[in-house]
Protein backbone atom coordinates (compact mmCIF):
# COMPACT_ATOMS: atom_id res chain seq x y z
CA UNK A 1 4.65 -21.57 -39.55
CA UNK A 2 1.81 -24.04 -39.07
CA UNK A 3 2.09 -27.55 -37.66
CA UNK A 4 0.19 -30.06 -35.56
CA UNK A 5 1.64 -28.53 -32.36
CA UNK A 6 -0.75 -25.95 -31.03
CA UNK A 7 1.93 -23.54 -29.99
CA UNK A 8 3.25 -23.36 -33.53
CA UNK A 9 -0.07 -22.20 -35.06
CA UNK A 10 1.10 -18.69 -34.19
CA UNK A 11 4.44 -17.29 -35.45
CA UNK A 12 6.70 -15.44 -33.11
CA UNK A 13 5.91 -12.21 -35.05
CA UNK A 14 2.16 -12.85 -34.58
CA UNK A 15 2.73 -13.39 -30.90
CA UNK A 16 4.70 -10.17 -30.63
CA UNK A 17 2.07 -8.25 -32.59
CA UNK A 18 -0.61 -9.49 -30.15
CA UNK A 19 1.07 -7.31 -27.48
CA UNK A 20 -0.43 -4.25 -29.35
CA UNK A 21 -3.97 -5.63 -28.90
CA UNK A 22 -3.77 -5.41 -25.13
CA UNK A 23 -3.90 -2.15 -23.24
CA UNK A 24 -1.09 -1.34 -20.77
CA UNK A 25 2.64 -1.23 -20.50
CA UNK A 26 2.98 -4.99 -20.31
CA UNK A 27 0.96 -8.23 -21.13
CA UNK A 28 0.42 -11.50 -19.28
CA UNK A 29 0.13 -14.96 -20.81
CA UNK A 30 -3.54 -15.01 -19.73
CA UNK A 31 -4.26 -11.78 -21.58
CA UNK A 32 -2.54 -13.06 -24.70
CA UNK A 33 -4.68 -16.21 -24.52
CA UNK A 34 -7.78 -14.12 -25.13
CA UNK A 35 -6.41 -12.90 -28.51
CA UNK A 36 -4.42 -15.87 -29.70
CA UNK A 37 -5.66 -19.39 -30.73
CA UNK A 38 -3.15 -21.17 -28.43
CA UNK A 39 -3.21 -22.12 -24.75
CA UNK A 40 -1.82 -20.08 -21.93
CA UNK A 41 0.82 -22.78 -21.28
CA UNK A 42 1.95 -22.73 -24.88
CA UNK A 43 2.05 -18.84 -24.81
CA UNK A 44 4.09 -18.94 -21.61
CA UNK A 45 6.65 -21.34 -23.14
CA UNK A 46 6.96 -19.19 -26.24
CA UNK A 47 7.34 -16.03 -24.16
CA UNK A 48 10.15 -17.66 -22.14
CA UNK A 49 11.82 -18.55 -25.40
CA UNK A 50 11.53 -15.02 -26.78
CA UNK A 51 12.93 -13.67 -23.49
CA UNK A 52 15.94 -15.98 -23.66
CA UNK A 53 16.57 -14.70 -27.22
CA UNK A 54 16.48 -11.18 -25.98
CA UNK A 55 13.32 -10.16 -27.95
CA UNK A 56 11.17 -9.34 -24.94
CA UNK A 57 11.59 -8.42 -21.25
CA UNK A 58 9.81 -9.74 -18.18
CA UNK A 59 9.26 -9.06 -14.51
CA UNK A 60 7.57 -11.27 -11.84
CA UNK A 61 6.01 -8.79 -9.41
CA UNK A 62 3.94 -11.42 -7.65
CA UNK A 63 4.32 -15.11 -7.10
CA UNK A 64 1.52 -15.83 -9.67
CA UNK A 65 2.02 -13.22 -12.36
CA UNK A 66 4.72 -12.44 -14.92
CA UNK A 67 4.49 -9.22 -16.95
CA UNK A 68 6.02 -9.33 -20.44
CA UNK A 69 6.93 -6.32 -22.70
CA UNK A 70 8.84 -5.27 -25.69
CA UNK A 71 11.64 -2.74 -25.31
CA UNK A 72 11.07 -1.26 -28.80
CA UNK A 73 7.26 -0.81 -28.65
CA UNK A 74 7.59 2.85 -29.57
CA UNK A 75 9.98 2.15 -32.45
CA UNK A 76 7.46 -0.26 -34.02
CA UNK A 77 4.55 2.38 -33.80
CA UNK A 78 6.71 4.96 -35.51
CA UNK A 79 7.20 2.86 -38.62
């Protein structure tokens, strides 16, 4: 899925797979920005969309940080 919009240069599946490249139980948009070719703002919008679709979970432990994670991370690694 490639288009002139920067946030569409990465598919939803590629964005979800990028979670595996970051150590820890959750990721932030800033961390994903280090491994994906799109901006933090674009990543954040995509994460919100995936959350609304029920594909990922999130928690905002501080005013300036949101942690995102996939419920089924273990299921994917067992395949």
